[in-house]
PDB file of N, CA and C in Angstrom:
ATOM      1  N   UNK A   1       0.836  -1.189   0.000  1.00  0.00           N
ATOM      2  CA  UNK A   1       0.000   0.000   0.000  1.00  0.00           C
ATOM      3  C   UNK A   1       0.875   1.245   0.000  1.00  0.00           C
ATOM      4  N   UNK A   2       1.894   1.236   0.827  1.00  0.00           N
ATOM      5  CA  UNK A   2       2.770   2.403   0.946  1.00  0.00           C
ATOM      6  C   UNK A   2       3.500   2.675  -0.368  1.00  0.00           C
ATOM      7  N   UNK A   3       4.112   1.653  -0.920  1.00  0.00           N
ATOM      8  CA  UNK A   3       4.880   1.838  -2.151  1.00  0.00           C
ATOM      9  C   UNK A   3       3.973   2.268  -3.294  1.00  0.00           C
ATOM     10  N   UNK A   4       2.861   1.562  -3.462  1.00  0.00           N
ATOM     11  CA  UNK A   4       1.941   1.893  -4.545  1.00  0.00           C
ATOM     12  C   UNK A   4       1.366   3.295  -4.369  1.00  0.00           C
ATOM     13  N   UNK A   5       1.005   3.652  -3.135  1.00  0.00           N
ATOM     14  CA  UNK A   5       0.461   4.980  -2.877  1.00  0.00           C
ATOM     15  C   UNK A   5       1.450   6.081  -3.180  1.00  0.00           C
ATOM     16  N   UNK A   6       2.696   5.910  -2.762  1.00  0.00           N
ATOM     17  CA  UNK A   6       3.718   6.919  -3.029  1.00  0.00           C
ATOM     18  C   UNK A   6       4.022   7.008  -4.526  1.00  0.00           C
ATOM     19  N   UNK A   7       4.091   5.864  -5.184  1.00  0.00           N
ATOM     20  CA  UNK A   7       4.395   5.856  -6.617  1.00  0.00           C
ATOM     21  C   UNK A   7       3.280   6.525  -7.413  1.00  0.00           C
ATOM     22  N   UNK A   8       2.034   6.106  -7.181  1.00  0.00           N
ATOM     23  CA  UNK A   8       0.919   6.680  -7.934  1.00  0.00           C
ATOM     24  C   UNK A   8       0.695   8.152  -7.598  1.00  0.00           C
ATOM     25  N   UNK A   9       0.969   8.532  -6.365  1.00  0.00           N
ATOM     26  CA  UNK A   9       0.825   9.944  -5.992  1.00  0.00           C
ATOM     27  C   UNK A   9       1.863  10.803  -6.709  1.00  0.00           C
ATOM     28  N   UNK A  10       3.075  10.303  -6.847  1.00  0.00           N
ATOM     29  CA  UNK A  10       4.106  11.085  -7.537  1.00  0.00           C
ATOM     30  C   UNK A  10       3.844  11.120  -9.039  1.00  0.00           C
ATOM     31  N   UNK A  11       3.367  10.025  -9.608  1.00  0.00           N
ATOM     32  CA  UNK A  11       3.087   9.983 -11.040  1.00  0.00           C
ATOM     33  C   UNK A  11       1.893  10.886 -11.380  1.00  0.00           C
ATOM     34  N   UNK A  12       0.883  10.896 -10.513  1.00  0.00           N
ATOM     35  CA  UNK A  12      -0.328  11.687 -10.790  1.00  0.00           C
ATOM     36  C   UNK A  12      -0.244  13.102 -10.227  1.00  0.00           C
ATOM     37  N   UNK A  13       0.936  13.507  -9.802  1.00  0.00           N
ATOM     38  CA  UNK A  13       1.160  14.846  -9.237  1.00  0.00           C
ATOM     39  C   UNK A  13       0.271  15.119  -8.028  1.00  0.00           C
ATOM     40  N   UNK A  14       0.079  14.120  -7.199  1.00  0.00           N
ATOM     41  CA  UNK A  14      -0.651  14.280  -5.947  1.00  0.00           C
ATOM     42  C   UNK A  14      -2.139  14.009  -6.017  1.00  0.00           C
ATOM     43  N   UNK A  15      -2.680  13.720  -7.190  1.00  0.00           N
ATOM     44  CA  UNK A  15      -4.123  13.485  -7.302  1.00  0.00           C
ATOM     45  C   UNK A  15      -4.562  12.162  -6.662  1.00  0.00           C
ATOM     46  N   UNK A  16      -3.634  11.227  -6.504  1.00  0.00           N
ATOM     47  CA  UNK A  16      -3.964   9.928  -5.917  1.00  0.00           C
ATOM     48  C   UNK A  16      -3.911   9.947  -4.389  1.00  0.00           C
ATOM     49  N   UNK A  17      -3.431  11.023  -3.784  1.00  0.00           N
ATOM     50  CA  UNK A  17      -3.232  11.085  -2.338  1.00  0.00           C
ATOM     51  C   UNK A  17      -4.514  10.771  -1.550  1.00  0.00           C
ATOM     52  N   UNK A  18      -5.690  11.319  -1.884  1.00  0.00           N
ATOM     53  CA  UNK A  18      -6.885  10.973  -1.094  1.00  0.00           C
ATOM     54  C   UNK A  18      -7.205   9.480  -1.113  1.00  0.00           C
ATOM     55  N   UNK A  19      -7.030   8.829  -2.253  1.00  0.00           N
ATOM     56  CA  UNK A  19      -7.313   7.400  -2.324  1.00  0.00           C
ATOM     57  C   UNK A  19      -6.262   6.599  -1.563  1.00  0.00           C
ATOM     58  N   UNK A  20      -5.028   7.077  -1.581  1.00  0.00           N
ATOM     59  CA  UNK A  20      -3.972   6.438  -0.801  1.00  0.00           C
ATOM     60  C   UNK A  20      -4.262   6.550   0.694  1.00  0.00           C
ATOM     61  N   UNK A  21      -4.663   7.741   1.159  1.00  0.00           N
ATOM     62  CA  UNK A  21      -4.979   7.927   2.580  1.00  0.00           C
ATOM     63  C   UNK A  21      -6.157   7.059   2.997  1.00  0.00           C
ATOM     64  N   UNK A  22      -7.169   6.954   2.134  1.00  0.00           N
ATOM     65  CA  UNK A  22      -8.334   6.121   2.444  1.00  0.00           C
ATOM     66  C   UNK A  22      -7.946   4.644   2.515  1.00  0.00           C
ATOM     67  N   UNK A  23      -7.127   4.201   1.571  1.00  0.00           N
ATOM     68  CA  UNK A  23      -6.710   2.799   1.576  1.00  0.00           C
ATOM     69  C   UNK A  23      -5.864   2.471   2.804  1.00  0.00           C
ATOM     70  N   UNK A  24      -4.988   3.403   3.167  1.00  0.00           N
ATOM     71  CA  UNK A  24      -4.155   3.200   4.356  1.00  0.00           C
ATOM     72  C   UNK A  24      -5.020   3.158   5.611  1.00  0.00           C
ATOM     73  N   UNK A  25      -6.019   4.033   5.713  1.00  0.00           N
ATOM     74  CA  UNK A  25      -6.917   4.017   6.867  1.00  0.00           C
ATOM     75  C   UNK A  25      -7.719   2.712   6.922  1.00  0.00           C
ATOM     76  N   UNK A  26      -8.235   2.270   5.778  1.00  0.00           N
ATOM     77  CA  UNK A  26      -8.985   1.005   5.751  1.00  0.00           C
ATOM     78  C   UNK A  26      -8.110  -0.163   6.185  1.00  0.00           C
ATOM     79  N   UNK A  27      -6.845  -0.171   5.750  1.00  0.00           N
ATOM     80  CA  UNK A  27      -5.939  -1.249   6.143  1.00  0.00           C
ATOM     81  C   UNK A  27      -5.766  -1.296   7.655  1.00  0.00           C
ATOM     82  N   UNK A  28      -5.442  -0.144   8.266  1.00  0.00           N
ATOM     83  CA  UNK A  28      -5.216  -0.124   9.711  1.00  0.00           C
ATOM     84  C   UNK A  28      -6.501  -0.427  10.480  1.00  0.00           C
ATOM     85  N   UNK A  29      -7.621   0.076  10.005  1.00  0.00           N
ATOM     86  CA  UNK A  29      -8.891  -0.181  10.690  1.00  0.00           C
ATOM     87  C   UNK A  29      -9.271  -1.650  10.582  1.00  0.00           C
ATOM     88  N   UNK A  30      -9.142  -2.230   9.401  1.00  0.00           N
ATOM     89  CA  UNK A  30      -9.519  -3.633   9.212  1.00  0.00           C
ATOM     90  C   UNK A  30      -8.595  -4.594   9.948  1.00  0.00           C
ATOM     91  N   UNK A  31      -7.427  -4.139  10.356  1.00  0.00           N
ATOM     92  CA  UNK A  31      -6.498  -4.988  11.103  1.00  0.00           C
ATOM     93  C   UNK A  31      -6.458  -4.634  12.591  1.00  0.00           C
ATOM     94  N   UNK A  32      -7.424  -3.868  13.065  1.00  0.00           N
ATOM     95  CA  UNK A  32      -7.511  -3.522  14.484  1.00  0.00           C
ATOM     96  C   UNK A  32      -8.571  -4.379  15.154  1.00  0.00           C
ATOM     97  N   UNK A  33      -8.309  -4.760  16.393  1.00  0.00           N
ATOM     98  CA  UNK A  33      -9.245  -5.587  17.151  1.00  0.00           C
ATOM     99  C   UNK A  33      -9.522  -4.955  18.506  1.00  0.00           C
ATOM    100  N   UNK A  34     -10.710  -5.221  19.018  1.00  0.00           N
ATOM    101  CA  UNK A  34     -11.087  -4.850  20.383  1.00  0.00           C
ATOM    102  C   UNK A  34     -11.906  -5.989  20.937  1.00  0.00           C
ATOM    103  N   UNK A  35     -11.454  -6.566  22.026  1.00  0.00           N
ATOM    104  CA  UNK A  35     -12.109  -7.714  22.651  1.00  0.00           C
ATOM    105  C   UNK A  35     -12.280  -8.866  21.655  1.00  0.00           C
ATOM    106  N   UNK A  36     -11.281  -9.060  20.785  1.00  0.00           N
ATOM    107  CA  UNK A  36     -11.285 -10.172  19.849  1.00  0.00           C
ATOM    108  C   UNK A  36     -12.107  -9.948  18.597  1.00  0.00           C
ATOM    109  N   UNK A  37     -12.799  -8.832  18.476  1.00  0.00           N
ATOM    110  CA  UNK A  37     -13.624  -8.547  17.299  1.00  0.00           C
ATOM    111  C   UNK A  37     -12.960  -7.461  16.470  1.00  0.00           C
ATOM    112  N   UNK A  38     -13.197  -7.475  15.187  1.00  0.00           N
ATOM    113  CA  UNK A  38     -12.543  -6.558  14.262  1.00  0.00           C
ATOM    114  C   UNK A  38     -13.368  -5.300  13.999  1.00  0.00           C
ATOM    115  N   UNK A  39     -12.654  -4.264  13.614  1.00  0.00           N
ATOM    116  CA  UNK A  39     -13.265  -3.042  13.112  1.00  0.00           C
ATOM    117  C   UNK A  39     -13.280  -3.126  11.585  1.00  0.00           C
ATOM    118  N   UNK A  40     -14.105  -2.293  10.961  1.00  0.00           N
ATOM    119  CA  UNK A  40     -14.082  -2.185   9.507  1.00  0.00           C
ATOM    120  C   UNK A  40     -14.325  -0.729   9.136  1.00  0.00           C
ATOM    121  N   UNK A  41     -13.956  -0.388   7.915  1.00  0.00           N
ATOM    122  CA  UNK A  41     -14.110   0.986   7.456  1.00  0.00           C
ATOM    123  C   UNK A  41     -14.598   0.994   6.019  1.00  0.00           C
ATOM    124  N   UNK A  42     -15.435   1.985   5.694  1.00  0.00           N
ATOM    125  CA  UNK A  42     -15.921   2.165   4.331  1.00  0.00           C
ATOM    126  C   UNK A  42     -15.411   3.470   3.731  1.00  0.00           C
ATOM    127  N   UNK A  43     -14.347   4.001   4.290  1.00  0.00           N
ATOM    128  CA  UNK A  43     -13.792   5.269   3.818  1.00  0.00           C
ATOM    129  C   UNK A  43     -13.276   5.117   2.390  1.00  0.00           C
ATOM    130  N   UNK A  44     -13.583   6.095   1.545  1.00  0.00           N
ATOM    131  CA  UNK A  44     -13.076   6.070   0.181  1.00  0.00           C
ATOM    132  C   UNK A  44     -12.419   7.411  -0.155  1.00  0.00           C
ATOM    133  N   UNK A  45     -11.726   7.433  -1.268  1.00  0.00           N
ATOM    134  CA  UNK A  45     -10.979   8.619  -1.660  1.00  0.00           C
ATOM    135  C   UNK A  45     -11.850   9.823  -1.917  1.00  0.00           C
ATOM    136  N   UNK A  46     -13.064   9.601  -2.411  1.00  0.00           N
ATOM    137  CA  UNK A  46     -13.961  10.719  -2.678  1.00  0.00           C
ATOM    138  C   UNK A  46     -14.339  11.438  -1.391  1.00  0.00           C
ATOM    139  N   UNK A  47     -14.587  10.685  -0.309  1.00  0.00           N
ATOM    140  CA  UNK A  47     -14.911  11.304   0.982  1.00  0.00           C
ATOM    141  C   UNK A  47     -13.713  12.065   1.536  1.00  0.00           C
ATOM    142  N   UNK A  48     -12.528  11.488   1.404  1.00  0.00           N
ATOM    143  CA  UNK A  48     -11.314  12.167   1.877  1.00  0.00           C
ATOM    144  C   UNK A  48     -11.121  13.473   1.120  1.00  0.00           C
ATOM    145  N   UNK A  49     -11.353  13.448  -0.189  1.00  0.00           N
ATOM    146  CA  UNK A  49     -11.179  14.652  -0.988  1.00  0.00           C
ATOM    147  C   UNK A  49     -12.254  15.697  -0.657  1.00  0.00           C
ATOM    148  N   UNK A  50     -13.486  15.264  -0.445  1.00  0.00           N
ATOM    149  CA  UNK A  50     -14.563  16.226  -0.202  1.00  0.00           C
ATOM    150  C   UNK A  50     -14.491  16.851   1.187  1.00  0.00           C
ATOM    151  N   UNK A  51     -13.876  16.184   2.141  1.00  0.00           N
ATOM    152  CA  UNK A  51     -13.733  16.746   3.488  1.00  0.00           C
ATOM    153  C   UNK A  51     -12.350  17.350   3.684  1.00  0.00           C
ATOM    154  N   UNK A  52     -11.323  16.664   3.253  1.00  0.00           N
ATOM    155  CA  UNK A  52      -9.957  17.137   3.470  1.00  0.00           C
ATOM    156  C   UNK A  52      -9.563  18.315   2.608  1.00  0.00           C
ATOM    157  N   UNK A  53     -10.021  18.339   1.362  1.00  0.00           N
ATOM    158  CA  UNK A  53      -9.665  19.428   0.461  1.00  0.00           C
ATOM    159  C   UNK A  53     -10.157  20.783   0.942  1.00  0.00           C
ATOM    160  N   UNK A  54     -11.469  20.940   1.171  1.00  0.00           N
ATOM    161  CA  UNK A  54     -11.951  22.229   1.686  1.00  0.00           C
ATOM    162  C   UNK A  54     -11.375  22.583   3.053  1.00  0.00           C
ATOM    163  N   UNK A  55     -11.159  21.585   3.891  1.00  0.00           N
ATOM    164  CA  UNK A  55     -10.574  21.856   5.203  1.00  0.00           C
ATOM    165  C   UNK A  55      -9.162  22.388   5.094  1.00  0.00           C
ATOM    166  N   UNK A  56      -8.376  21.777   4.224  1.00  0.00           N
ATOM    167  CA  UNK A  56      -7.004  22.246   4.008  1.00  0.00           C
ATOM    168  C   UNK A  56      -7.001  23.640   3.403  1.00  0.00           C
ATOM    169  N   UNK A  57      -7.847  23.864   2.425  1.00  0.00           N
ATOM    170  CA  UNK A  57      -7.921  25.171   1.776  1.00  0.00           C
ATOM    171  C   UNK A  57      -8.366  26.253   2.762  1.00  0.00           C
ATOM    172  N   UNK A  58      -9.384  25.957   3.556  1.00  0.00           N
ATOM    173  CA  UNK A  58      -9.864  26.940   4.536  1.00  0.00           C
ATOM    174  C   UNK A  58      -8.802  27.226   5.593  1.00  0.00           C
ATOM    175  N   UNK A  59      -8.079  26.206   6.020  1.00  0.00           N
ATOM    176  CA  UNK A  59      -7.029  26.405   7.019  1.00  0.00           C
ATOM    177  C   UNK A  59      -5.900  27.274   6.471  1.00  0.00           C
ATOM    178  N   UNK A  60      -5.554  27.079   5.214  1.00  0.00           N
ATOM    179  CA  UNK A  60      -4.494  27.889   4.606  1.00  0.00           C
ATOM    180  C   UNK A  60      -4.959  29.333   4.421  1.00  0.00           C
ATOM    181  N   UNK A  61      -6.174  29.518   3.900  1.00  0.00           N
ATOM    182  CA  UNK A  61      -6.659  30.868   3.616  1.00  0.00           C
ATOM    183  C   UNK A  61      -6.914  31.692   4.875  1.00  0.00           C
ATOM    184  N   UNK A  62      -7.257  31.028   5.985  1.00  0.00           N
ATOM    185  CA  UNK A  62      -7.516  31.757   7.234  1.00  0.00           C
ATOM    186  C   UNK A  62      -6.312  31.740   8.161  1.00  0.00           C
ATOM    187  N   UNK A  63      -5.167  31.318   7.652  1.00  0.00           N
ATOM    188  CA  UNK A  63      -3.928  31.252   8.437  1.00  0.00           C
ATOM    189  C   UNK A  63      -4.084  30.407   9.694  1.00  0.00           C
ATOM    190  N   UNK A  64      -4.838  29.318   9.582  1.00  0.00           N
ATOM    191  CA  UNK A  64      -4.983  28.374  10.680  1.00  0.00           C
ATOM    192  C   UNK A  64      -6.200  28.564  11.556  1.00  0.00           C
ATOM    193  N   UNK A  65      -6.955  29.623  11.357  1.00  0.00           N
ATOM    194  CA  UNK A  65      -8.136  29.838  12.200  1.00  0.00           C
ATOM    195  C   UNK A  65      -9.231  28.804  11.939  1.00  0.00           C
ATOM    196  N   UNK A  66      -9.290  28.248  10.750  1.00  0.00           N
ATOM    197  CA  UNK A  66     -10.299  27.250  10.418  1.00  0.00           C
ATOM    198  C   UNK A  66      -9.832  25.832  10.734  1.00  0.00           C
ATOM    199  N   UNK A  67      -8.651  25.685  11.319  1.00  0.00           N
ATOM    200  CA  UNK A  67      -8.125  24.353  11.596  1.00  0.00           C
ATOM    201  C   UNK A  67      -9.013  23.541  12.548  1.00  0.00           C
ATOM    202  N   UNK A  68      -9.547  24.112  13.637  1.00  0.00           N
ATOM    203  CA  UNK A  68     -10.445  23.311  14.490  1.00  0.00           C
ATOM    204  C   UNK A  68     -11.679  22.815  13.736  1.00  0.00           C
ATOM    205  N   UNK A  69     -12.215  23.648  12.861  1.00  0.00           N
ATOM    206  CA  UNK A  69     -13.359  23.246  12.043  1.00  0.00           C
ATOM    207  C   UNK A  69     -12.971  22.085  11.127  1.00  0.00           C
ATOM    208  N   UNK A  70     -11.801  22.179  10.493  1.00  0.00           N
ATOM    209  CA  UNK A  70     -11.344  21.139   9.578  1.00  0.00           C
ATOM    210  C   UNK A  70     -11.098  19.825  10.315  1.00  0.00           C
ATOM    211  N   UNK A  71     -10.494  19.901  11.487  1.00  0.00           N
ATOM    212  CA  UNK A  71     -10.220  18.688  12.273  1.00  0.00           C
ATOM    213  C   UNK A  71     -11.531  18.044  12.723  1.00  0.00           C
ATOM    214  N   UNK A  72     -12.500  18.853  13.124  1.00  0.00           N
ATOM    215  CA  UNK A  72     -13.791  18.319  13.550  1.00  0.00           C
ATOM    216  C   UNK A  72     -14.496  17.611  12.400  1.00  0.00           C
ATOM    217  N   UNK A  73     -14.490  18.218  11.231  1.00  0.00           N
ATOM    218  CA  UNK A  73     -15.112  17.579  10.059  1.00  0.00           C
ATOM    219  C   UNK A  73     -14.394  16.275   9.711  1.00  0.00           C
ATOM    220  N   UNK A  74     -13.051  16.282   9.795  1.00  0.00           N
ATOM    221  CA  UNK A  74     -12.266  15.083   9.479  1.00  0.00           C
ATOM    222  C   UNK A  74     -12.603  13.946  10.452  1.00  0.00           C
ATOM    223  N   UNK A  75     -12.655  14.256  11.738  1.00  0.00           N
ATOM    224  CA  UNK A  75     -12.938  13.215  12.733  1.00  0.00           C
ATOM    225  C   UNK A  75     -14.365  12.699  12.632  1.00  0.00           C
ATOM    226  N   UNK A  76     -15.309  13.577  12.283  1.00  0.00           N
ATOM    227  CA  UNK A  76     -16.684  13.110  12.060  1.00  0.00           C
ATOM    228  C   UNK A  76     -16.740  12.143  10.883  1.00  0.00           C
ATOM    229  N   UNK A  77     -15.995  12.433   9.822  1.00  0.00           N
ATOM    230  CA  UNK A  77     -15.968  11.547   8.664  1.00  0.00           C
ATOM    231  C   UNK A  77     -15.382  10.190   9.047  1.00  0.00           C
ATOM    232  N   UNK A  78     -14.291  10.201   9.802  1.00  0.00           N
ATOM    233  CA  UNK A  78     -13.675   8.944  10.231  1.00  0.00           C
ATOM    234  C   UNK A  78     -14.651   8.153  11.109  1.00  0.00           C
ATOM    235  N   UNK A  79     -15.310   8.822  12.040  1.00  0.00           N
ATOM    236  CA  UNK A  79     -16.261   8.140  12.923  1.00  0.00           C
ATOM    237  C   UNK A  79     -17.460   7.602  12.151  1.00  0.00           C
ATOM    238  N   UNK A  80     -17.909   8.318  11.129  1.00  0.00           N
ATOM    239  CA  UNK A  80     -19.075   7.884  10.366  1.00  0.00           C
ATOM    240  C   UNK A  80     -18.778   6.702   9.454  1.00  0.00           C
ATOM    241  N   UNK A  81     -17.506   6.489   9.125  1.00  0.00           N
ATOM    242  CA  UNK A  81     -17.159   5.395   8.208  1.00  0.00           C
ATOM    243  C   UNK A  81     -16.464   4.228   8.900  1.00  0.00           C
ATOM    244  N   UNK A  82     -16.359   4.257  10.217  1.00  0.00           N
ATOM    245  CA  UNK A  82     -15.706   3.185  10.968  1.00  0.00           C
ATOM    246  C   UNK A  82     -16.752   2.411  11.753  1.00  0.00           C
ATOM    247  N   UNK A  83     -16.697   1.089  11.663  1.00  0.00           N
ATOM    248  CA  UNK A  83     -17.696   0.231  12.291  1.00  0.00           C
ATOM    249  C   UNK A  83     -17.021  -0.842  13.137  1.00  0.00           C
ATOM    250  N   UNK A  84     -17.719  -1.226  14.204  1.00  0.00           N
ATOM    251  CA  UNK A  84     -17.275  -2.340  15.056  1.00  0.00           C
ATOM    252  C   UNK A  84     -18.168  -3.511  14.731  1.00  0.00           C
ATOM    253  N   UNK A  85     -17.615  -4.663  14.465  1.00  0.00           N
ATOM    254  CA  UNK A  85     -18.363  -5.780  13.924  1.00  0.00           C
ATOM    255  C   UNK A  85     -18.992  -6.684  14.975  1.00  0.00           C
ATOM    256  N   UNK A  86     -19.179  -6.211  16.185  1.00  0.00           N
ATOM    257  CA  UNK A  86     -19.818  -7.018  17.224  1.00  0.00           C
ATOM    258  C   UNK A  86     -20.388  -6.087  18.280  1.00  0.00           C
ATOM    259  N   UNK A  87     -21.181  -6.639  19.163  1.00  0.00           N
ATOM    260  CA  UNK A  87     -21.679  -5.847  20.277  1.00  0.00           C
ATOM    261  C   UNK A  87     -20.674  -5.924  21.416  1.00  0.00           C
ATOM    262  N   UNK A  88     -20.558  -4.862  22.163  1.00  0.00           N
ATOM    263  CA  UNK A  88     -19.629  -4.803  23.286  1.00  0.00           C
ATOM    264  C   UNK A  88     -20.323  -5.364  24.514  1.00  0.00           C
ATOM    265  N   UNK A  89     -19.692  -6.310  25.178  1.00  0.00           N
ATOM    266  CA  UNK A  89     -20.233  -6.887  26.398  1.00  0.00           C
ATOM    267  C   UNK A  89     -19.832  -5.993  27.566  1.00  0.00           C
ATOM    268  N   UNK A  90     -20.763  -5.207  28.040  1.00  0.00           N
ATOM    269  CA  UNK A  90     -20.471  -4.234  29.091  1.00  0.00           C
ATOM    270  C   UNK A  90     -20.155  -4.909  30.425  1.00  0.00           C
ATOM    271  N   UNK A  91     -20.602  -6.149  30.622  1.00  0.00           N
ATOM    272  CA  UNK A  91     -20.349  -6.842  31.888  1.00  0.00           C
ATOM    273  C   UNK A  91     -18.873  -7.207  32.060  1.00  0.00           C
ATOM    274  N   UNK A  92     -18.159  -7.414  30.960  1.00  0.00           N
ATOM    275  CA  UNK A  92     -16.753  -7.807  31.075  1.00  0.00           C
ATOM    276  C   UNK A  92     -15.823  -6.603  31.179  1.00  0.00           C
ATOM    277  N   UNK A  93     -16.336  -5.422  30.923  1.00  0.00           N
ATOM    278  CA  UNK A  93     -15.505  -4.225  31.016  1.00  0.00           C
ATOM    279  C   UNK A  93     -15.569  -3.674  32.436  1.00  0.00           C
ATOM    280  N   UNK A  94     -14.415  -3.391  33.002  1.00  0.00           N
ATOM    281  CA  UNK A  94     -14.360  -2.843  34.350  1.00  0.00           C
ATOM    282  C   UNK A  94     -13.421  -1.643  34.365  1.00  0.00           C
ATOM    283  N   UNK A  95     -13.618  -0.790  35.329  1.00  0.00           N
ATOM    284  CA  UNK A  95     -12.716   0.342  35.482  1.00  0.00           C
ATOM    285  C   UNK A  95     -11.628  -0.008  36.489  1.00  0.00           C
ATOM    286  N   UNK A  96     -10.497   0.626  36.346  1.00  0.00           N
ATOM    287  CA  UNK A  96      -9.363   0.389  37.244  1.00  0.00           C
ATOM    288  C   UNK A  96      -9.087   1.686  37.988  1.00  0.00           C
ATOM    289  N   UNK A  97      -9.062   1.620  39.296  1.00  0.00           N
ATOM    290  CA  UNK A  97      -8.817   2.809  40.105  1.00  0.00           C
ATOM    291  C   UNK A  97      -7.320   3.065  40.171  1.00  0.00           C
ATOM    292  N   UNK A  98      -6.931   4.304  39.890  1.00  0.00           N
ATOM    293  CA  UNK A  98      -5.529   4.702  39.915  1.00  0.00           C
ATOM    294  C   UNK A  98      -5.206   5.201  41.316  1.00  0.00           C
ATOM    295  N   UNK A  99      -4.498   4.396  42.085  1.00  0.00           N
ATOM    296  CA  UNK A  99      -4.183   4.763  43.462  1.00  0.00           C
ATOM    297  C   UNK A  99      -3.041   5.771  43.544  1.00  0.00           C
ATOM    298  N   UNK A 100      -2.276   5.920  42.457  1.00  0.00           N
ATOM    299  CA  UNK A 100      -1.149   6.855  42.479  1.00  0.00           C
ATOM    300  C   UNK A 100      -1.572   8.267  42.071  1.00  0.00           C
ATOM    301  N   UNK A 101      -2.824   8.434  41.651  1.00  0.00           N
ATOM    302  CA  UNK A 101      -3.278   9.755  41.194  1.00  0.00           C
ATOM    303  C   UNK A 101      -3.471  10.684  42.388  1.00  0.00           C
ATOM    304  N   UNK A 102      -3.128  11.956  42.189  1.00  0.00           N
ATOM    305  CA  UNK A 102      -3.306  12.952  43.242  1.00  0.00           C
ATOM    306  C   UNK A 102      -4.559  13.756  42.954  1.00  0.00           C
ATOM    307  N   UNK A 103      -5.026  14.464  43.960  1.00  0.00           N
ATOM    308  CA  UNK A 103      -6.212  15.285  43.764  1.00  0.00           C
ATOM    309  C   UNK A 103      -5.875  16.493  42.901  1.00  0.00           C
ATOM    310  N   UNK A 104      -6.893  17.117  42.373  1.00  0.00           N
ATOM    311  CA  UNK A 104      -6.694  18.247  41.471  1.00  0.00           C
ATOM    312  C   UNK A 104      -5.998  19.406  42.168  1.00  0.00           C
ATOM    313  N   UNK A 105      -6.381  19.697  43.395  1.00  0.00           N
ATOM    314  CA  UNK A 105      -5.797  20.827  44.110  1.00  0.00           C
ATOM    315  C   UNK A 105      -4.297  20.620  44.338  1.00  0.00           C
ATOM    316  N   UNK A 106      -3.901  19.397  44.682  1.00  0.00           N
ATOM    317  CA  UNK A 106      -2.478  19.123  44.858  1.00  0.00           C
ATOM    318  C   UNK A 106      -1.732  19.254  43.534  1.00  0.00           C
ATOM    319  N   UNK A 107      -2.354  18.820  42.445  1.00  0.00           N
ATOM    320  CA  UNK A 107      -1.731  18.939  41.128  1.00  0.00           C
ATOM    321  C   UNK A 107      -1.547  20.391  40.734  1.00  0.00           C
ATOM    322  N   UNK A 108      -2.539  21.225  41.038  1.00  0.00           N
ATOM    323  CA  UNK A 108      -2.426  22.645  40.729  1.00  0.00           C
ATOM    324  C   UNK A 108      -1.320  23.278  41.574  1.00  0.00           C
ATOM    325  N   UNK A 109      -1.231  22.868  42.830  1.00  0.00           N
ATOM    326  CA  UNK A 109      -0.173  23.386  43.697  1.00  0.00           C
ATOM    327  C   UNK A 109       1.205  23.011  43.188  1.00  0.00           C
ATOM    328  N   UNK A 110       1.359  21.759  42.742  1.00  0.00           N
ATOM    329  CA  UNK A 110       2.644  21.330  42.197  1.00  0.00           C
ATOM    330  C   UNK A 110       2.977  22.103  40.920  1.00  0.00           C
ATOM    331  N   UNK A 111       1.965  22.361  40.080  1.00  0.00           N
ATOM    332  CA  UNK A 111       2.199  23.128  38.856  1.00  0.00           C
ATOM    333  C   UNK A 111       2.617  24.554  39.196  1.00  0.00           C
ATOM    334  N   UNK A 112       2.002  25.146  40.225  1.00  0.00           N
ATOM    335  CA  UNK A 112       2.389  26.499  40.633  1.00  0.00           C
ATOM    336  C   UNK A 112       3.819  26.559  41.134  1.00  0.00           C
ATOM    337  N   UNK A 113       4.218  25.551  41.907  1.00  0.00           N
ATOM    338  CA  UNK A 113       5.598  25.498  42.391  1.00  0.00           C
ATOM    339  C   UNK A 113       6.570  25.389  41.217  1.00  0.00           C
ATOM    340  N   UNK A 114       6.193  24.541  40.246  1.00  0.00           N
ATOM    341  CA  UNK A 114       7.041  24.351  39.079  1.00  0.00           C
ATOM    342  C   UNK A 114       7.181  25.652  38.279  1.00  0.00           C
ATOM    343  N   UNK A 115       6.087  26.357  38.094  1.00  0.00           N
ATOM    344  CA  UNK A 115       6.132  27.634  37.368  1.00  0.00           C
ATOM    345  C   UNK A 115       6.954  28.659  38.137  1.00  0.00           C
ATOM    346  N   UNK A 116       6.868  28.628  39.467  1.00  0.00           N
ATOM    347  CA  UNK A 116       7.677  29.528  40.266  1.00  0.00           C
ATOM    348  C   UNK A 116       9.161  29.239  40.104  1.00  0.00           C
ATOM    349  N   UNK A 117       9.513  27.952  40.008  1.00  0.00           N
ATOM    350  CA  UNK A 117      10.906  27.603  39.798  1.00  0.00           C
ATOM    351  C   UNK A 117      11.391  28.057  38.429  1.00  0.00           C
ATOM    352  N   UNK A 118      10.534  27.959  37.433  1.00  0.00           N
ATOM    353  CA  UNK A 118      10.915  28.416  36.104  1.00  0.00           C
ATOM    354  C   UNK A 118      11.132  29.924  36.114  1.00  0.00           C
ATOM    355  N   UNK A 119      10.252  30.658  36.814  1.00  0.00           N
ATOM    356  CA  UNK A 119      10.391  32.101  36.889  1.00  0.00           C
ATOM    357  C   UNK A 119      11.644  32.533  37.604  1.00  0.00           C
ATOM    358  N   UNK A 120      12.094  31.745  38.578  1.00  0.00           N
ATOM    359  CA  UNK A 120      13.304  32.130  39.324  1.00  0.00           C
ATOM    360  C   UNK A 120      14.582  31.821  38.535  1.00  0.00           C
ATOM    361  N   UNK A 121      14.480  31.035  37.479  1.00  0.00           N
ATOM    362  CA  UNK A 121      15.652  30.718  36.686  1.00  0.00           C
ATOM    363  C   UNK A 121      16.086  31.896  35.832  1.00  0.00           C
ATOM    364  N   UNK A 122      15.172  32.785  35.505  1.00  0.00           N
ATOM    365  CA  UNK A 122      15.492  33.890  34.602  1.00  0.00           C
ATOM    366  C   UNK A 122      16.272  34.983  35.243  1.00  0.00           C
TER     367      UNK A 122
END
């Protein structure tokens, strides 16, 4: 996929890039597992071009101000084309309590001390 995508993208002067990105995403998604079940993706080059092209153009023209909008549209497209091929058994999933975690107030205090040390270095 990598070699063919790079070769066709260079030969077509970059026009193959959306289809290469879609194929690469489908490969990684189709080879991912969660709880022994596979994911699948229906992403195609046309969707990548229709979402990524305007997002890239808007981000360039607005000097990056449209980047959050472009990223949100991109992630919605990925979420809309990615599927899990089984139901999740909620009974087997458990949470793990982190005993080493500190409270928020202590973390803020440590961050303040750290910032104070940085300020004293100057």
